[in-house]
Amino acid sequence: MLVDKVKLALEDIRPQLQADGGDLEFVSVSDEGKVTVRLTGACGSCPMATMTLKMGVEAHLKKVVPGVTEVVQA
């Protein structure tokens, strides 16, 4: 199931975010493959959060979870 694959893939990248004082929470995934996450901790207020979301989280999910089309912030 897509939700389970997305959650598992997010666990792969959480340690990198946590090392910088941030984290993320899974919110939802649509039938079209749009994943919504909530950035927390230092990531919630970081000016680089959008880049982290697109270049890091989205790139990783698209690579390892077929069907993911986009990652957006809640």
N, C-alpha and C. Protein backbone atom coordinates (compact mmCIF):
# COMPACT_ATOMS: atom_id res chain seq x y z
N MET A 1 0.84 -1.18 0.00
CA MET A 1 0.00 0.00 0.00
C MET A 1 0.89 1.25 0.00
N LEU A 2 0.48 2.27 -0.73
CA LEU A 2 1.28 3.47 -0.92
C LEU A 2 1.58 4.17 0.41
N VAL A 3 0.61 4.27 1.29
CA VAL A 3 0.80 4.95 2.58
C VAL A 3 1.93 4.29 3.36
N ASP A 4 1.91 2.97 3.43
CA ASP A 4 2.94 2.25 4.18
C ASP A 4 4.33 2.46 3.58
N LYS A 5 4.42 2.45 2.24
CA LYS A 5 5.70 2.65 1.58
C LYS A 5 6.23 4.05 1.83
N VAL A 6 5.34 5.04 1.80
CA VAL A 6 5.75 6.42 2.05
C VAL A 6 6.24 6.58 3.48
N LYS A 7 5.50 6.04 4.45
CA LYS A 7 5.90 6.15 5.85
C LYS A 7 7.26 5.49 6.08
N LEU A 8 7.48 4.34 5.47
CA LEU A 8 8.76 3.64 5.62
C LEU A 8 9.90 4.46 5.01
N ALA A 9 9.66 5.05 3.85
CA ALA A 9 10.69 5.86 3.19
C ALA A 9 10.99 7.12 4.00
N LEU A 10 9.98 7.70 4.63
CA LEU A 10 10.21 8.89 5.46
C LEU A 10 11.09 8.56 6.66
N GLU A 11 10.96 7.35 7.18
CA GLU A 11 11.81 6.93 8.31
C GLU A 11 13.28 6.92 7.91
N ASP A 12 13.56 6.69 6.62
CA ASP A 12 14.95 6.67 6.13
C ASP A 12 15.61 8.04 6.25
N ILE A 13 14.83 9.10 6.07
CA ILE A 13 15.43 10.44 6.04
C ILE A 13 15.24 11.23 7.34
N ARG A 14 14.41 10.75 8.23
CA ARG A 14 14.18 11.46 9.49
C ARG A 14 15.46 11.67 10.30
N PRO A 15 16.39 10.69 10.39
CA PRO A 15 17.61 10.91 11.17
C PRO A 15 18.43 12.11 10.69
N GLN A 16 18.43 12.36 9.39
CA GLN A 16 19.17 13.51 8.85
C GLN A 16 18.53 14.81 9.31
N LEU A 17 17.22 14.87 9.31
CA LEU A 17 16.52 16.07 9.78
C LEU A 17 16.71 16.25 11.29
N GLN A 18 16.62 15.14 12.02
CA GLN A 18 16.76 15.20 13.47
C GLN A 18 18.18 15.64 13.88
N ALA A 19 19.17 15.30 13.07
CA ALA A 19 20.54 15.71 13.37
C ALA A 19 20.69 17.23 13.34
N ASP A 20 19.82 17.90 12.60
CA ASP A 20 19.84 19.36 12.51
C ASP A 20 18.80 20.00 13.42
N GLY A 21 18.19 19.22 14.30
CA GLY A 21 17.21 19.75 15.23
C GLY A 21 15.80 19.82 14.71
N GLY A 22 15.54 19.19 13.58
CA GLY A 22 14.21 19.20 12.98
C GLY A 22 13.61 17.82 12.92
N ASP A 23 12.47 17.74 12.29
CA ASP A 23 11.80 16.46 12.10
C ASP A 23 10.66 16.67 11.12
N LEU A 24 9.98 15.60 10.79
CA LEU A 24 8.79 15.73 9.96
C LEU A 24 7.77 14.70 10.39
N GLU A 25 6.51 15.01 10.12
CA GLU A 25 5.41 14.11 10.43
C GLU A 25 4.65 13.84 9.13
N PHE A 26 4.30 12.59 8.91
CA PHE A 26 3.45 12.23 7.78
C PHE A 26 2.04 12.73 8.07
N VAL A 27 1.40 13.37 7.09
CA VAL A 27 0.02 13.84 7.24
C VAL A 27 -0.91 13.00 6.38
N SER A 28 -0.61 12.92 5.06
CA SER A 28 -1.49 12.17 4.18
C SER A 28 -0.82 11.93 2.84
N VAL A 29 -1.46 11.06 2.05
CA VAL A 29 -1.06 10.87 0.65
C VAL A 29 -2.35 10.73 -0.15
N SER A 30 -2.42 11.46 -1.25
CA SER A 30 -3.63 11.43 -2.08
C SER A 30 -3.56 10.27 -3.06
N ASP A 31 -4.69 9.98 -3.69
CA ASP A 31 -4.74 8.92 -4.70
C ASP A 31 -3.84 9.24 -5.89
N GLU A 32 -3.56 10.53 -6.09
CA GLU A 32 -2.71 10.96 -7.20
C GLU A 32 -1.23 10.90 -6.85
N GLY A 33 -0.89 10.54 -5.60
CA GLY A 33 0.51 10.42 -5.20
C GLY A 33 1.09 11.67 -4.56
N LYS A 34 0.25 12.63 -4.21
CA LYS A 34 0.70 13.85 -3.55
C LYS A 34 0.82 13.59 -2.05
N VAL A 35 2.04 13.70 -1.53
CA VAL A 35 2.32 13.42 -0.12
C VAL A 35 2.34 14.75 0.64
N THR A 36 1.64 14.79 1.76
CA THR A 36 1.65 15.97 2.62
C THR A 36 2.35 15.62 3.92
N VAL A 37 3.32 16.45 4.30
CA VAL A 37 4.06 16.27 5.54
C VAL A 37 4.05 17.58 6.32
N ARG A 38 4.33 17.48 7.60
CA ARG A 38 4.46 18.65 8.46
C ARG A 38 5.89 18.70 8.97
N LEU A 39 6.60 19.78 8.66
CA LEU A 39 7.95 19.95 9.16
C LEU A 39 7.87 20.52 10.57
N THR A 40 8.65 19.96 11.49
CA THR A 40 8.59 20.37 12.89
C THR A 40 9.98 20.70 13.40
N GLY A 41 10.03 21.18 14.63
CA GLY A 41 11.31 21.53 15.22
C GLY A 41 11.98 22.64 14.44
N ALA A 42 13.29 22.55 14.29
CA ALA A 42 14.04 23.58 13.56
C ALA A 42 13.60 23.67 12.10
N CYS A 43 13.12 22.58 11.53
CA CYS A 43 12.68 22.59 10.13
C CYS A 43 11.43 23.45 9.93
N GLY A 44 10.62 23.57 10.98
CA GLY A 44 9.39 24.33 10.84
C GLY A 44 9.61 25.80 10.61
N SER A 45 10.74 26.33 11.06
CA SER A 45 11.00 27.76 10.92
C SER A 45 12.25 28.06 10.08
N CYS A 46 12.84 27.06 9.53
CA CYS A 46 14.08 27.23 8.77
C CYS A 46 13.79 27.85 7.40
N PRO A 47 14.57 28.87 7.00
CA PRO A 47 14.37 29.46 5.68
C PRO A 47 14.69 28.50 4.53
N MET A 48 15.43 27.44 4.83
CA MET A 48 15.78 26.45 3.80
C MET A 48 14.78 25.29 3.76
N ALA A 49 13.70 25.38 4.52
CA ALA A 49 12.74 24.27 4.62
C ALA A 49 12.17 23.86 3.27
N THR A 50 11.86 24.83 2.42
CA THR A 50 11.29 24.49 1.11
C THR A 50 12.29 23.71 0.28
N MET A 51 13.54 24.10 0.33
CA MET A 51 14.56 23.36 -0.42
C MET A 51 14.73 21.96 0.15
N THR A 52 14.74 21.85 1.47
CA THR A 52 14.84 20.53 2.11
C THR A 52 13.68 19.66 1.68
N LEU A 53 12.49 20.24 1.65
CA LEU A 53 11.30 19.49 1.29
C LEU A 53 11.37 18.98 -0.14
N LYS A 54 11.74 19.84 -1.08
CA LYS A 54 11.75 19.48 -2.49
C LYS A 54 12.99 18.69 -2.89
N MET A 55 14.17 19.19 -2.53
CA MET A 55 15.41 18.57 -2.98
C MET A 55 15.77 17.33 -2.14
N GLY A 56 15.28 17.28 -0.93
CA GLY A 56 15.61 16.16 -0.05
C GLY A 56 14.47 15.16 0.04
N VAL A 57 13.39 15.57 0.69
CA VAL A 57 12.28 14.65 0.96
C VAL A 57 11.61 14.20 -0.33
N GLU A 58 11.21 15.15 -1.17
CA GLU A 58 10.51 14.79 -2.41
C GLU A 58 11.39 13.95 -3.33
N ALA A 59 12.64 14.35 -3.49
CA ALA A 59 13.54 13.59 -4.36
C ALA A 59 13.70 12.15 -3.86
N HIS A 60 13.85 11.98 -2.55
CA HIS A 60 14.01 10.64 -1.99
C HIS A 60 12.75 9.80 -2.20
N LEU A 61 11.60 10.38 -1.89
CA LEU A 61 10.35 9.62 -2.03
C LEU A 61 10.09 9.24 -3.48
N LYS A 62 10.33 10.15 -4.41
CA LYS A 62 10.11 9.83 -5.83
C LYS A 62 11.03 8.71 -6.29
N LYS A 63 12.23 8.67 -5.72
CA LYS A 63 13.21 7.65 -6.11
C LYS A 63 12.84 6.27 -5.57
N VAL A 64 12.35 6.21 -4.33
CA VAL A 64 12.16 4.91 -3.70
C VAL A 64 10.70 4.43 -3.63
N VAL A 65 9.74 5.32 -3.90
CA VAL A 65 8.33 4.92 -3.82
C VAL A 65 7.64 5.25 -5.15
N PRO A 66 7.46 4.24 -6.00
CA PRO A 66 6.75 4.47 -7.26
C PRO A 66 5.34 5.00 -6.98
N GLY A 67 4.96 6.02 -7.72
CA GLY A 67 3.63 6.58 -7.55
C GLY A 67 3.60 7.91 -6.84
N VAL A 68 4.69 8.28 -6.15
CA VAL A 68 4.75 9.59 -5.52
C VAL A 68 5.02 10.62 -6.60
N THR A 69 4.18 11.66 -6.64
CA THR A 69 4.31 12.70 -7.66
C THR A 69 4.81 14.02 -7.11
N GLU A 70 4.53 14.29 -5.83
CA GLU A 70 4.89 15.58 -5.25
C GLU A 70 4.85 15.45 -3.73
N VAL A 71 5.64 16.30 -3.06
CA VAL A 71 5.61 16.39 -1.60
C VAL A 71 5.36 17.86 -1.26
N VAL A 72 4.35 18.10 -0.42
CA VAL A 72 4.02 19.46 -0.01
C VAL A 72 3.97 19.53 1.50
N GLN A 73 4.07 20.76 2.01
CA GLN A 73 4.03 20.99 3.45
C GLN A 73 2.62 21.30 3.88
N ALA A 74 2.21 20.74 5.02
CA ALA A 74 0.87 20.99 5.55
C ALA A 74 0.78 22.40 6.10
